[in-house]
N, C-alpha and C. Protein backbone atom coordinates (compact mmCIF):
# COMPACT_ATOMS: atom_id res chain seq x y z
N MET A 1 0.75 -1.28 -0.09
CA MET A 1 0.05 0.06 -0.09
C MET A 1 0.87 1.28 -0.04
N SER A 2 0.47 2.33 -0.81
CA SER A 2 1.28 3.52 -0.83
C SER A 2 0.89 4.45 0.37
N ALA A 3 1.99 5.47 0.49
CA ALA A 3 1.79 6.41 1.60
C ALA A 3 0.55 7.31 1.13
N GLY A 4 0.33 7.69 -0.01
CA GLY A 4 -0.86 8.27 -0.40
C GLY A 4 -2.23 7.59 -0.18
N ARG A 5 -2.27 6.15 -0.37
CA ARG A 5 -3.38 5.52 -0.01
C ARG A 5 -3.56 5.32 1.53
N HIS A 6 -2.47 5.39 2.20
CA HIS A 6 -2.51 5.42 3.80
C HIS A 6 -3.19 6.81 4.26
N LEU A 7 -2.71 7.79 3.51
CA LEU A 7 -3.14 9.12 4.05
C LEU A 7 -4.58 9.21 3.54
N ASN A 8 -5.00 8.72 2.44
CA ASN A 8 -6.47 8.75 2.14
C ASN A 8 -7.38 8.02 3.13
N GLU A 9 -6.80 6.88 3.73
CA GLU A 9 -7.44 6.27 4.68
C GLU A 9 -7.64 7.01 6.00
N ALA A 10 -6.44 7.56 6.32
CA ALA A 10 -6.33 8.36 7.59
C ALA A 10 -7.46 9.47 7.41
N LEU A 11 -7.51 10.30 6.31
CA LEU A 11 -8.56 11.23 6.27
C LEU A 11 -9.78 10.89 6.35
N ALA A 12 -10.08 9.64 5.69
CA ALA A 12 -11.47 9.11 5.82
C ALA A 12 -11.82 8.63 7.09
N ALA A 13 -11.04 7.86 7.85
CA ALA A 13 -11.23 7.54 9.21
C ALA A 13 -11.36 8.89 10.10
N GLU A 14 -10.73 10.02 9.93
CA GLU A 14 -10.53 11.02 10.70
C GLU A 14 -12.13 11.92 10.48
N ARG A 15 -12.51 11.90 9.24
CA ARG A 15 -13.93 12.26 9.07
C ARG A 15 -14.78 11.77 9.63
N GLU A 16 -14.76 10.25 9.64
CA GLU A 16 -15.75 9.46 10.28
C GLU A 16 -15.74 9.81 11.81
N ALA A 17 -14.59 9.82 12.32
CA ALA A 17 -14.36 10.02 13.79
C ALA A 17 -14.94 11.54 14.32
N PHE A 18 -14.57 12.48 13.60
CA PHE A 18 -15.25 13.75 13.74
C PHE A 18 -16.68 13.95 13.76
N GLU A 19 -17.31 13.21 12.61
CA GLU A 19 -18.65 13.12 12.52
C GLU A 19 -19.47 12.50 13.74
N ALA A 20 -18.62 11.51 14.16
CA ALA A 20 -19.16 10.74 15.44
C ALA A 20 -19.11 11.43 16.58
N LEU A 21 -17.89 12.35 16.78
CA LEU A 21 -17.85 13.11 18.03
C LEU A 21 -18.70 14.28 17.94
N LEU A 22 -19.03 14.95 16.92
CA LEU A 22 -20.06 16.09 16.93
C LEU A 22 -21.25 15.51 17.06
N ALA A 23 -21.68 14.05 16.77
CA ALA A 23 -22.93 13.60 17.21
C ALA A 23 -23.08 12.91 18.37
N ARG A 24 -21.97 12.99 19.26
CA ARG A 24 -21.94 12.49 20.46
C ARG A 24 -22.05 10.77 20.49
N ARG A 25 -21.34 10.42 19.32
CA ARG A 25 -21.32 9.00 19.21
C ARG A 25 -19.89 8.44 19.71
N SER A 26 -19.61 7.18 19.88
CA SER A 26 -18.26 6.67 19.97
C SER A 26 -17.42 6.76 18.81
N ALA A 27 -16.45 7.29 18.93
CA ALA A 27 -15.47 7.58 17.73
C ALA A 27 -14.15 6.63 17.80
N GLU A 28 -14.00 5.86 19.05
CA GLU A 28 -12.82 5.22 19.31
C GLU A 28 -12.09 4.51 18.09
N ALA A 29 -13.07 3.62 17.42
CA ALA A 29 -12.43 2.63 16.30
C ALA A 29 -11.89 3.63 15.20
N ALA A 30 -12.70 4.73 14.79
CA ALA A 30 -12.31 5.54 13.66
C ALA A 30 -10.95 6.17 13.96
N LEU A 31 -10.97 6.68 15.50
CA LEU A 31 -9.72 7.46 15.75
C LEU A 31 -8.43 6.51 15.72
N ASP A 32 -8.69 5.30 16.23
CA ASP A 32 -7.50 4.15 15.90
C ASP A 32 -7.24 3.98 14.48
N ARG A 33 -8.20 3.80 13.59
CA ARG A 33 -7.91 3.59 12.42
C ARG A 33 -7.10 4.64 11.74
N ALA A 34 -7.59 5.93 12.01
CA ALA A 34 -6.85 7.21 11.49
C ALA A 34 -5.48 7.35 11.98
N ARG A 35 -5.33 6.91 13.25
CA ARG A 35 -3.94 7.04 13.82
C ARG A 35 -3.02 6.07 13.31
N LEU A 36 -3.40 4.78 12.95
CA LEU A 36 -2.78 3.94 12.45
C LEU A 36 -2.45 4.09 10.99
N ALA A 37 -3.22 4.60 10.16
CA ALA A 37 -3.26 5.02 8.77
C ALA A 37 -2.01 6.14 8.79
N TYR A 38 -2.46 7.18 9.47
CA TYR A 38 -1.31 8.30 9.53
C TYR A 38 0.12 7.82 9.79
N LEU A 39 0.32 7.02 10.66
CA LEU A 39 1.67 6.36 10.95
C LEU A 39 2.06 5.70 9.90
N ALA A 40 1.38 4.94 9.24
CA ALA A 40 1.76 4.02 8.11
C ALA A 40 2.12 5.02 6.98
N SER A 41 1.44 6.11 6.69
CA SER A 41 1.70 7.07 5.65
C SER A 41 3.02 7.77 5.82
N HIS A 42 3.17 8.17 7.26
CA HIS A 42 4.38 8.91 7.61
C HIS A 42 5.64 8.07 7.54
N ALA A 43 5.46 6.71 7.91
CA ALA A 43 6.54 5.72 7.71
C ALA A 43 7.06 5.58 6.15
N GLU A 44 6.08 5.53 5.33
CA GLU A 44 6.34 5.25 3.97
C GLU A 44 6.59 6.70 3.24
N SER A 45 6.38 7.73 3.80
CA SER A 45 6.53 8.96 2.99
C SER A 45 7.96 9.74 3.47
N GLY A 46 8.45 9.16 4.45
CA GLY A 46 9.75 9.67 5.04
C GLY A 46 9.68 10.48 6.19
N PRO A 47 10.80 10.56 6.82
CA PRO A 47 10.88 11.16 8.41
C PRO A 47 10.34 12.81 8.19
N ARG A 48 10.26 13.38 7.19
CA ARG A 48 9.81 14.68 7.19
C ARG A 48 8.33 15.07 6.79
N SER A 49 7.44 13.96 6.93
CA SER A 49 6.15 14.15 6.73
C SER A 49 5.57 14.43 7.98
N TRP A 50 5.55 15.69 8.60
CA TRP A 50 5.49 16.04 9.84
C TRP A 50 3.81 16.23 10.17
N GLY A 51 3.09 16.51 9.21
CA GLY A 51 1.64 16.79 9.11
C GLY A 51 1.10 15.35 9.58
N ARG A 52 1.52 14.25 8.91
CA ARG A 52 0.97 13.00 9.24
C ARG A 52 1.40 12.53 10.69
N LEU A 53 2.50 12.83 11.29
CA LEU A 53 2.84 12.57 12.41
C LEU A 53 1.92 13.37 13.42
N VAL A 54 1.65 14.51 13.13
CA VAL A 54 0.61 15.50 13.89
C VAL A 54 -0.80 14.83 13.92
N GLY A 55 -1.01 14.37 12.79
CA GLY A 55 -2.35 13.86 12.63
C GLY A 55 -2.43 12.46 13.41
N ALA A 56 -1.43 11.86 13.56
CA ALA A 56 -1.38 10.43 14.41
C ALA A 56 -1.54 10.95 15.87
N LEU A 57 -0.75 11.86 16.18
CA LEU A 57 -0.81 12.35 17.68
C LEU A 57 -2.06 12.95 18.08
N LYS A 58 -2.64 13.61 17.10
CA LYS A 58 -4.11 14.18 17.44
C LYS A 58 -5.06 13.00 17.43
N MET A 59 -4.97 11.89 16.75
CA MET A 59 -6.00 10.82 16.96
C MET A 59 -5.73 10.07 18.14
N ALA A 60 -4.41 9.90 18.52
CA ALA A 60 -4.22 9.34 19.90
C ALA A 60 -4.67 9.93 21.03
N ILE A 61 -4.49 11.33 21.03
CA ILE A 61 -4.92 12.08 22.10
C ILE A 61 -6.33 12.08 22.27
N LEU A 62 -7.17 12.23 21.09
CA LEU A 62 -8.65 12.26 21.04
C LEU A 62 -9.21 10.77 21.62
N ALA A 63 -8.55 9.82 21.07
CA ALA A 63 -8.86 8.42 21.49
C ALA A 63 -8.72 8.04 22.97
N GLY A 64 -7.55 8.80 23.47
CA GLY A 64 -7.15 8.54 24.95
C GLY A 64 -6.42 7.36 25.20
N HIS A 65 -5.71 6.82 24.14
CA HIS A 65 -4.75 5.73 24.32
C HIS A 65 -3.86 5.68 23.28
N GLU A 66 -2.75 4.97 23.44
CA GLU A 66 -1.56 5.05 22.50
C GLU A 66 -0.79 6.33 22.43
N VAL A 67 -1.23 7.22 23.32
CA VAL A 67 -0.79 8.49 23.29
C VAL A 67 0.85 8.60 23.61
N ASP A 68 1.26 7.86 24.72
CA ASP A 68 2.58 7.99 25.05
C ASP A 68 3.41 7.25 23.96
N SER A 69 3.13 6.13 23.42
CA SER A 69 3.89 5.46 22.36
C SER A 69 4.02 6.42 21.14
N THR A 70 2.81 7.00 20.77
CA THR A 70 2.77 7.95 19.50
C THR A 70 3.65 9.08 19.77
N ALA A 71 3.51 9.71 21.02
CA ALA A 71 4.30 11.01 21.31
C ALA A 71 5.88 10.65 21.43
N ARG A 72 6.15 9.56 21.98
CA ARG A 72 7.55 9.14 22.28
C ARG A 72 8.11 9.08 20.69
N LEU A 73 7.47 8.36 19.73
CA LEU A 73 7.91 8.20 18.59
C LEU A 73 8.11 9.65 17.94
N ALA A 74 7.16 10.62 17.97
CA ALA A 74 7.28 12.00 17.51
C ALA A 74 8.51 12.58 18.17
N VAL A 75 8.72 12.63 19.47
CA VAL A 75 9.91 12.95 19.99
C VAL A 75 11.15 12.47 19.28
N ALA A 76 11.25 11.13 19.16
CA ALA A 76 12.50 10.48 18.47
C ALA A 76 12.93 11.02 17.19
N GLU A 77 11.66 11.04 16.45
CA GLU A 77 11.77 11.54 14.98
C GLU A 77 11.99 12.95 15.00
N THR A 78 11.86 13.71 15.78
CA THR A 78 12.02 15.07 15.52
C THR A 78 13.27 15.51 16.15
N GLU A 79 14.08 14.80 16.86
CA GLU A 79 15.54 14.90 17.55
C GLU A 79 16.42 15.13 16.33
N ALA A 80 17.36 16.27 16.66
CA ALA A 80 18.43 16.45 15.68
C ALA A 80 18.02 16.70 14.29
N VAL A 81 16.74 17.25 14.19
CA VAL A 81 16.38 17.64 12.85
C VAL A 81 16.23 19.20 12.76
N GLU A 82 16.40 19.67 11.47
CA GLU A 82 16.43 21.03 11.39
C GLU A 82 15.10 21.56 11.65
N PRO A 83 14.68 22.43 12.59
CA PRO A 83 13.40 22.88 12.92
C PRO A 83 12.64 23.64 12.00
N THR A 84 11.52 23.23 11.69
CA THR A 84 10.43 23.85 10.90
C THR A 84 9.39 24.13 11.76
N PRO A 85 8.28 24.91 11.32
CA PRO A 85 7.26 25.18 11.98
C PRO A 85 6.35 23.75 12.24
N ALA A 86 6.15 22.96 11.06
CA ALA A 86 5.41 21.87 11.37
C ALA A 86 6.15 20.75 12.16
N MET A 87 7.42 20.64 12.09
CA MET A 87 8.28 19.60 12.80
C MET A 87 8.21 20.18 14.33
N ALA A 88 8.27 21.38 14.59
CA ALA A 88 8.01 21.92 16.03
C ALA A 88 6.68 21.75 16.53
N TYR A 89 5.63 21.83 15.70
CA TYR A 89 4.37 21.37 16.08
C TYR A 89 4.20 19.99 16.55
N ALA A 90 4.94 18.92 15.73
CA ALA A 90 4.74 17.67 15.97
C ALA A 90 5.61 17.45 17.22
N ARG A 91 6.70 18.01 17.64
CA ARG A 91 7.47 17.90 18.71
C ARG A 91 6.73 18.56 20.04
N ALA A 92 6.22 19.82 19.82
CA ALA A 92 5.71 20.29 21.15
C ALA A 92 4.42 19.57 21.47
N LEU A 93 3.62 19.09 20.46
CA LEU A 93 2.45 18.50 20.85
C LEU A 93 2.56 17.18 21.66
N ALA A 94 3.73 16.52 21.07
CA ALA A 94 4.13 15.26 21.75
C ALA A 94 4.60 15.57 23.21
N GLN A 95 5.58 16.55 23.25
CA GLN A 95 6.12 17.07 24.61
C GLN A 95 5.03 17.27 25.52
N VAL A 96 4.09 18.08 25.20
CA VAL A 96 2.91 18.41 26.18
C VAL A 96 2.16 17.13 26.46
N ALA A 97 1.84 16.36 25.55
CA ALA A 97 1.25 15.17 25.80
C ALA A 97 1.90 14.29 26.83
N LEU A 98 3.09 14.39 26.78
CA LEU A 98 3.95 13.60 27.69
C LEU A 98 4.35 14.05 29.08
N GLY A 99 3.84 15.42 28.99
CA GLY A 99 4.11 16.16 30.30
C GLY A 99 5.30 16.87 30.42
N ASP A 100 5.99 17.09 29.33
CA ASP A 100 7.32 17.62 29.39
C ASP A 100 7.44 19.19 28.89
N PRO A 101 8.46 19.90 29.12
CA PRO A 101 8.47 21.28 28.52
C PRO A 101 8.45 21.24 27.19
N ALA A 102 7.87 22.18 26.53
CA ALA A 102 7.66 22.30 25.05
C ALA A 102 8.55 23.40 24.43
N ASP A 103 9.21 23.20 23.31
CA ASP A 103 9.87 24.05 22.64
C ASP A 103 9.02 24.62 21.40
N VAL A 104 8.42 25.71 21.43
CA VAL A 104 7.51 26.14 20.48
C VAL A 104 8.13 27.55 19.59
N SER A 105 9.43 27.71 19.78
CA SER A 105 9.91 28.89 19.30
C SER A 105 9.79 28.84 17.70
N PRO A 106 10.03 27.63 16.91
CA PRO A 106 9.87 27.79 15.49
C PRO A 106 8.34 28.19 15.17
N MET A 107 7.56 27.51 15.88
CA MET A 107 6.12 27.80 15.70
C MET A 107 5.67 29.36 15.87
N LEU A 108 6.29 29.93 16.91
CA LEU A 108 6.12 31.35 17.22
C LEU A 108 6.56 32.22 15.99
N GLU A 109 7.69 31.85 15.63
CA GLU A 109 8.34 32.71 14.59
C GLU A 109 7.64 32.46 13.32
N ALA A 110 6.78 31.51 13.04
CA ALA A 110 6.08 31.16 11.77
C ALA A 110 4.86 32.05 11.77
N GLY A 111 4.39 32.42 12.81
CA GLY A 111 3.18 33.32 12.96
C GLY A 111 1.85 32.57 12.75
N GLU A 112 0.70 33.28 12.38
CA GLU A 112 -0.51 32.77 12.13
C GLU A 112 -0.74 31.52 12.99
N ALA A 113 -1.47 30.59 12.40
CA ALA A 113 -1.91 29.39 13.00
C ALA A 113 -0.88 28.68 13.86
N PHE A 114 0.39 28.55 13.36
CA PHE A 114 1.41 28.09 14.23
C PHE A 114 1.64 28.75 15.37
N ASP A 115 1.62 30.13 15.55
CA ASP A 115 1.72 31.11 16.49
C ASP A 115 0.78 30.75 17.65
N ARG A 116 -0.63 30.79 17.14
CA ARG A 116 -1.65 30.53 18.09
C ARG A 116 -1.48 29.27 18.78
N THR A 117 -1.36 28.15 18.10
CA THR A 117 -1.07 26.81 18.54
C THR A 117 0.03 26.80 19.40
N GLY A 118 1.04 27.24 18.98
CA GLY A 118 2.18 27.23 19.91
C GLY A 118 2.18 27.93 21.11
N ARG A 119 1.47 29.04 21.17
CA ARG A 119 1.22 29.92 22.34
C ARG A 119 0.12 28.83 23.35
N ALA A 120 -0.68 28.17 22.85
CA ALA A 120 -1.57 27.33 23.59
C ALA A 120 -0.86 26.33 24.19
N LEU A 121 -0.05 25.58 23.40
CA LEU A 121 0.88 24.51 23.76
C LEU A 121 1.83 24.91 24.89
N GLN A 122 2.40 26.17 24.82
CA GLN A 122 3.40 26.63 25.79
C GLN A 122 2.52 26.95 27.01
N ALA A 123 1.59 27.43 26.99
CA ALA A 123 0.71 27.74 28.04
C ALA A 123 0.30 26.52 28.79
N LEU A 124 -0.04 25.50 28.17
CA LEU A 124 -0.38 24.32 28.71
C LEU A 124 0.85 23.74 29.40
N ALA A 125 2.03 23.74 28.84
CA ALA A 125 3.16 23.17 29.46
C ALA A 125 3.44 23.93 30.68
N ASP A 126 3.13 25.14 30.60
CA ASP A 126 3.67 26.26 31.75
C ASP A 126 2.44 26.39 32.85
N GLY A 127 1.24 25.70 32.61
CA GLY A 127 0.28 25.61 33.46
C GLY A 127 -0.36 27.14 33.78
N ASP A 128 -0.38 28.01 32.57
CA ASP A 128 -0.84 29.26 32.52
C ASP A 128 -2.04 29.38 31.88
N GLN A 129 -3.29 29.26 32.65
CA GLN A 129 -4.56 29.32 32.14
C GLN A 129 -4.89 30.48 31.37
N PRO A 130 -4.77 31.55 31.85
CA PRO A 130 -5.09 32.78 31.13
C PRO A 130 -4.36 32.77 29.87
N ALA A 131 -3.21 32.53 29.72
CA ALA A 131 -2.72 32.51 28.33
C ALA A 131 -3.19 31.51 27.35
N TYR A 132 -3.57 30.26 27.87
CA TYR A 132 -3.99 29.34 27.40
C TYR A 132 -5.43 29.62 26.80
N ARG A 133 -6.29 30.32 27.54
CA ARG A 133 -7.61 30.66 27.17
C ARG A 133 -7.58 31.70 26.17
N ALA A 134 -6.64 32.62 26.15
CA ALA A 134 -6.60 33.68 25.02
C ALA A 134 -6.15 33.05 23.71
N ALA A 135 -5.22 32.02 23.85
CA ALA A 135 -4.80 31.36 22.58
C ALA A 135 -5.85 30.40 22.10
N LEU A 136 -6.58 29.66 23.00
CA LEU A 136 -7.43 28.85 22.39
C LEU A 136 -8.82 29.51 21.81
N LEU A 137 -9.21 30.63 22.32
CA LEU A 137 -10.19 31.34 21.71
C LEU A 137 -9.83 31.94 20.38
N GLU A 138 -8.63 32.26 20.29
CA GLU A 138 -8.04 32.79 19.01
C GLU A 138 -8.19 31.69 17.85
N ILE A 139 -7.82 30.39 18.42
CA ILE A 139 -7.78 29.14 17.44
C ILE A 139 -9.38 28.93 17.14
N VAL A 140 -10.03 28.98 18.17
CA VAL A 140 -11.48 28.65 17.76
C VAL A 140 -11.96 29.74 16.66
N ALA A 141 -11.71 30.90 16.93
CA ALA A 141 -12.24 32.09 16.03
C ALA A 141 -11.68 31.83 14.52
N ASP A 142 -10.38 31.31 14.62
CA ASP A 142 -9.71 30.99 13.06
C ASP A 142 -10.60 29.92 12.48
N PHE A 143 -10.89 28.93 13.19
CA PHE A 143 -11.71 27.80 12.62
C PHE A 143 -13.14 28.27 12.34
N GLU A 144 -13.76 28.99 13.20
CA GLU A 144 -15.04 29.57 12.68
C GLU A 144 -15.11 30.41 11.64
N ALA A 145 -14.04 30.96 11.18
CA ALA A 145 -13.89 31.89 10.00
C ALA A 145 -13.61 31.01 8.72
N ARG A 146 -13.28 29.58 8.82
CA ARG A 146 -12.87 28.95 7.61
C ARG A 146 -14.20 28.48 6.78
N ASP A 147 -13.96 28.40 5.62
CA ASP A 147 -14.97 28.09 4.63
C ASP A 147 -14.89 26.65 4.46
N SER A 148 -13.72 26.00 4.77
CA SER A 148 -13.53 24.64 4.61
C SER A 148 -12.61 24.09 5.69
N HIS A 149 -12.66 22.68 5.67
CA HIS A 149 -11.80 22.12 6.81
C HIS A 149 -11.16 21.05 6.05
N LEU A 150 -9.92 20.52 6.40
CA LEU A 150 -9.21 19.58 5.81
C LEU A 150 -9.93 18.28 5.87
N SER A 151 -10.69 17.90 6.81
CA SER A 151 -11.27 16.53 7.02
C SER A 151 -12.74 16.67 6.26
N GLY A 152 -13.22 17.88 5.83
CA GLY A 152 -14.31 18.02 5.30
C GLY A 152 -15.66 18.33 6.37
N VAL A 153 -15.20 18.09 7.52
CA VAL A 153 -16.18 18.22 8.73
C VAL A 153 -15.77 19.48 9.39
N PRO A 154 -16.81 20.47 9.58
CA PRO A 154 -16.63 21.68 10.29
C PRO A 154 -16.48 21.32 11.80
N ILE A 155 -15.11 21.14 12.18
CA ILE A 155 -14.83 20.96 13.45
C ILE A 155 -13.53 21.72 13.85
N ALA A 156 -13.54 22.16 14.98
CA ALA A 156 -12.17 22.93 15.53
C ALA A 156 -11.18 21.85 16.17
N ASP A 157 -10.65 21.10 15.19
CA ASP A 157 -10.07 19.76 15.82
C ASP A 157 -8.71 20.23 16.58
N THR A 158 -8.06 21.20 16.24
CA THR A 158 -6.81 21.57 17.00
C THR A 158 -7.47 22.01 18.36
N ALA A 159 -8.34 22.78 18.49
CA ALA A 159 -8.97 23.17 19.90
C ALA A 159 -9.49 22.04 20.45
N LEU A 160 -10.02 21.12 19.93
CA LEU A 160 -10.53 19.88 20.47
C LEU A 160 -9.42 19.06 21.36
N VAL A 161 -8.11 18.96 20.30
CA VAL A 161 -7.04 18.26 20.95
C VAL A 161 -6.45 18.87 22.19
N LEU A 162 -6.30 20.20 21.99
CA LEU A 162 -5.78 21.14 23.22
C LEU A 162 -6.63 21.10 24.49
N GLU A 163 -7.86 21.02 24.31
CA GLU A 163 -8.85 20.88 25.31
C GLU A 163 -8.84 19.61 25.99
N ARG A 164 -8.42 18.47 25.33
CA ARG A 164 -8.29 17.24 25.94
C ARG A 164 -6.95 17.11 26.71
N LEU A 165 -6.01 17.88 26.24
CA LEU A 165 -4.77 18.24 26.98
C LEU A 165 -4.98 18.91 28.39
N ALA A 166 -5.78 20.09 28.04
CA ALA A 166 -6.06 20.95 29.08
C ALA A 166 -6.83 20.22 30.18
N ALA A 167 -7.73 19.39 29.91
CA ALA A 167 -8.59 18.61 30.83
C ALA A 167 -7.76 17.97 31.79
N GLU A 168 -6.51 17.35 31.36
CA GLU A 168 -5.71 16.54 32.24
C GLU A 168 -5.00 17.46 33.26
N ARG A 169 -5.00 18.75 33.03
CA ARG A 169 -4.39 19.79 33.86
C ARG A 169 -5.42 20.73 34.57
N GLY A 170 -6.69 20.38 34.39
CA GLY A 170 -7.79 21.16 35.01
C GLY A 170 -7.72 22.60 34.42
N MET A 171 -7.50 22.86 33.11
CA MET A 171 -7.30 24.02 32.56
C MET A 171 -8.31 24.22 31.48
N THR A 172 -9.51 23.60 31.23
CA THR A 172 -10.21 23.49 30.17
C THR A 172 -10.92 24.94 30.04
N VAL A 173 -11.14 25.32 28.75
CA VAL A 173 -11.79 26.82 28.55
C VAL A 173 -13.29 26.45 28.20
N HIS A 174 -13.61 25.31 27.67
CA HIS A 174 -15.15 25.06 27.18
C HIS A 174 -15.80 26.34 26.17
N PRO A 175 -15.03 26.53 25.06
CA PRO A 175 -15.46 27.71 24.21
C PRO A 175 -16.90 27.40 23.69
N ASP A 176 -17.61 28.31 23.56
CA ASP A 176 -18.96 28.27 23.03
C ASP A 176 -18.93 28.22 21.52
N THR A 177 -18.89 27.22 20.87
CA THR A 177 -18.83 27.10 19.42
C THR A 177 -19.63 25.79 19.02
N ALA A 178 -20.20 25.80 17.82
CA ALA A 178 -20.81 24.63 17.19
C ALA A 178 -19.81 23.87 16.62
N LEU A 179 -18.61 24.24 16.67
CA LEU A 179 -17.21 23.45 16.03
C LEU A 179 -16.65 22.48 16.97
N LEU A 180 -17.31 22.27 18.29
CA LEU A 180 -16.75 21.49 19.08
C LEU A 180 -17.84 20.62 19.77
N PRO A 181 -17.62 19.28 20.02
CA PRO A 181 -18.55 18.53 20.48
C PRO A 181 -19.27 19.13 21.76
N VAL A 182 -20.51 18.78 22.06
CA VAL A 182 -21.17 19.41 23.13
C VAL A 182 -20.54 18.80 24.47
N SER A 183 -20.07 17.52 24.51
CA SER A 183 -19.40 17.02 25.61
C SER A 183 -18.11 17.73 26.08
N SER A 184 -17.57 18.41 25.14
CA SER A 184 -16.34 19.15 25.61
C SER A 184 -16.54 20.57 25.69
N ALA A 185 -17.84 20.83 25.61
CA ALA A 185 -18.06 22.44 25.87
C ALA A 185 -18.78 22.48 27.16
């Protein structure tokens, strides 16, 4: 099977999972399929396919299992690599998921969506609830302004993942938006 085919499988499973989450149905099986397909696509497409690694991490966090193993893989694969915003996102998301300090400087330097997400990850790592709230609300506003979403499902998936990490720290914001499942709001 090709990396492209695995990516298509990941996106289809992700779409199914997001639809289930928004409908308040179980999404665990679809999240697991998406995580595994993202990891397979990442393995076949090379060590610099950071978006696929971020996708796998997001699916693990949302499913609530295989988080440590997926995060450790991300940390290992991003060591001694020239930092890019996408690589830094994969690494910082993994670091925060593992409860470690996060290096978000390449994300902050990139600006826009990377900056917002980097600030949210840094705030989670630092336990800074006001900074996390400000960054998360900017992320949600960005998703609300979009005409289309990568998965085809109108969902603020980055915010959803961050809120799952925030819940472990007692820092959830519960933004009022149709782009997040009711159970997370």
